[in-house]
Protein backbone atom coordinates (compact mmCIF):
# COMPACT_ATOMS: atom_id res chain seq x y z
CA UNK A 1 -5.77 -11.79 -6.89
CA UNK A 2 -6.49 -14.43 -4.65
CA UNK A 3 -9.98 -15.33 -6.03
CA UNK A 4 -8.00 -15.33 -9.84
CA UNK A 5 -5.44 -17.91 -7.99
CA UNK A 6 -8.24 -20.21 -6.48
CA UNK A 7 -10.28 -19.68 -9.24
CA UNK A 8 -8.31 -19.22 -12.49
CA UNK A 9 -9.99 -18.62 -15.81
CA UNK A 10 -13.20 -17.76 -14.16
CA UNK A 11 -14.56 -15.00 -16.51
CA UNK A 12 -15.96 -13.20 -13.56
CA UNK A 13 -12.95 -12.94 -11.57
CA UNK A 14 -10.99 -11.91 -14.33
CA UNK A 15 -13.52 -9.23 -15.06
CA UNK A 16 -13.91 -8.24 -11.50
CA UNK A 17 -9.59 -7.83 -10.94
CA UNK A 18 -9.46 -5.75 -14.43
CA UNK A 19 -12.13 -3.22 -12.94
CA UNK A 20 -11.05 -3.26 -9.59
CA UNK A 21 -7.32 -2.39 -10.78
CA UNK A 22 -8.75 0.09 -13.39
CA UNK A 23 -10.63 2.12 -10.34
CA UNK A 24 -7.01 1.94 -8.11
CA UNK A 25 -4.95 3.52 -10.73
CA UNK A 26 -7.72 5.95 -11.69
CA UNK A 27 -7.94 7.05 -8.00
CA UNK A 28 -4.23 6.40 -7.05
CA UNK A 29 -2.18 6.98 -10.54
CA UNK A 30 -0.46 4.22 -13.00
CA UNK A 31 1.54 1.62 -11.25
CA UNK A 32 3.28 -0.32 -13.75
CA UNK A 33 3.31 -3.85 -12.20
CA UNK A 34 -0.57 -3.25 -11.82
CA UNK A 35 -0.63 -1.77 -15.45
CA UNK A 36 1.05 -5.35 -16.77
CA UNK A 37 -1.32 -7.26 -14.75
CA UNK A 38 -4.46 -5.56 -15.71
CA UNK A 39 -3.27 -5.90 -19.44
CA UNK A 40 -2.99 -9.36 -18.80
CA UNK A 41 -6.22 -9.67 -17.73
CA UNK A 42 -7.67 -8.39 -20.48
CA UNK A 43 -5.76 -10.23 -22.73
CA UNK A 44 -6.97 -13.14 -21.16
CA UNK A 45 -10.42 -12.24 -21.16
CA UNK A 46 -10.08 -11.69 -24.97
CA UNK A 47 -8.33 -15.04 -25.47
CA UNK A 48 -11.40 -17.06 -23.63
CA UNK A 49 -14.09 -14.86 -25.17
CA UNK A 50 -13.32 -11.98 -27.74
CA UNK A 51 -16.80 -11.13 -27.89
CA UNK A 52 -17.39 -10.64 -24.61
CA UNK A 53 -19.75 -7.74 -23.43
CA UNK A 54 -17.59 -5.88 -21.02
CA UNK A 55 -14.11 -6.18 -23.20
CA UNK A 56 -14.52 -3.53 -25.18
CA UNK A 57 -15.45 -1.21 -21.79
CA UNK A 58 -12.24 -2.49 -20.22
CA UNK A 59 -10.04 -1.90 -23.29
CA UNK A 60 -11.29 1.62 -23.29
CA UNK A 61 -10.93 2.30 -19.70
CA UNK A 62 -7.55 0.63 -19.76
CA UNK A 63 -6.47 3.18 -22.82
CA UNK A 64 -7.96 6.32 -21.06
CA UNK A 65 -5.91 5.27 -17.79
CA UNK A 66 -2.89 5.10 -19.74
CA UNK A 67 -3.27 8.25 -21.52
CA UNK A 68 -4.25 10.04 -18.43
CA UNK A 69 -1.31 9.45 -17.07
CA UNK A 70 1.06 9.70 -20.11
CA UNK A 71 1.90 5.81 -20.66
CA UNK A 72 3.07 5.05 -24.00
CA UNK A 73 0.99 2.43 -25.89
CA UNK A 74 2.95 -0.18 -27.96
CA UNK A 75 2.01 -2.05 -30.91
């Protein structure tokens, strides 16, 4: 998160942060603040580049983590 504060809007940092959060959630269990931060990063990535090659994979991983830990989806 420190890197994101130093380079807001940097796509590589945003993707790395979302990926790291997803790895942590997968290994340690669901954490609501981290889940919210990850969802925000995915939304921010989508806003900057809706066709980014890694966006679909991040969304799939996020949804898989929510299913794994029984987190309800909204919308």
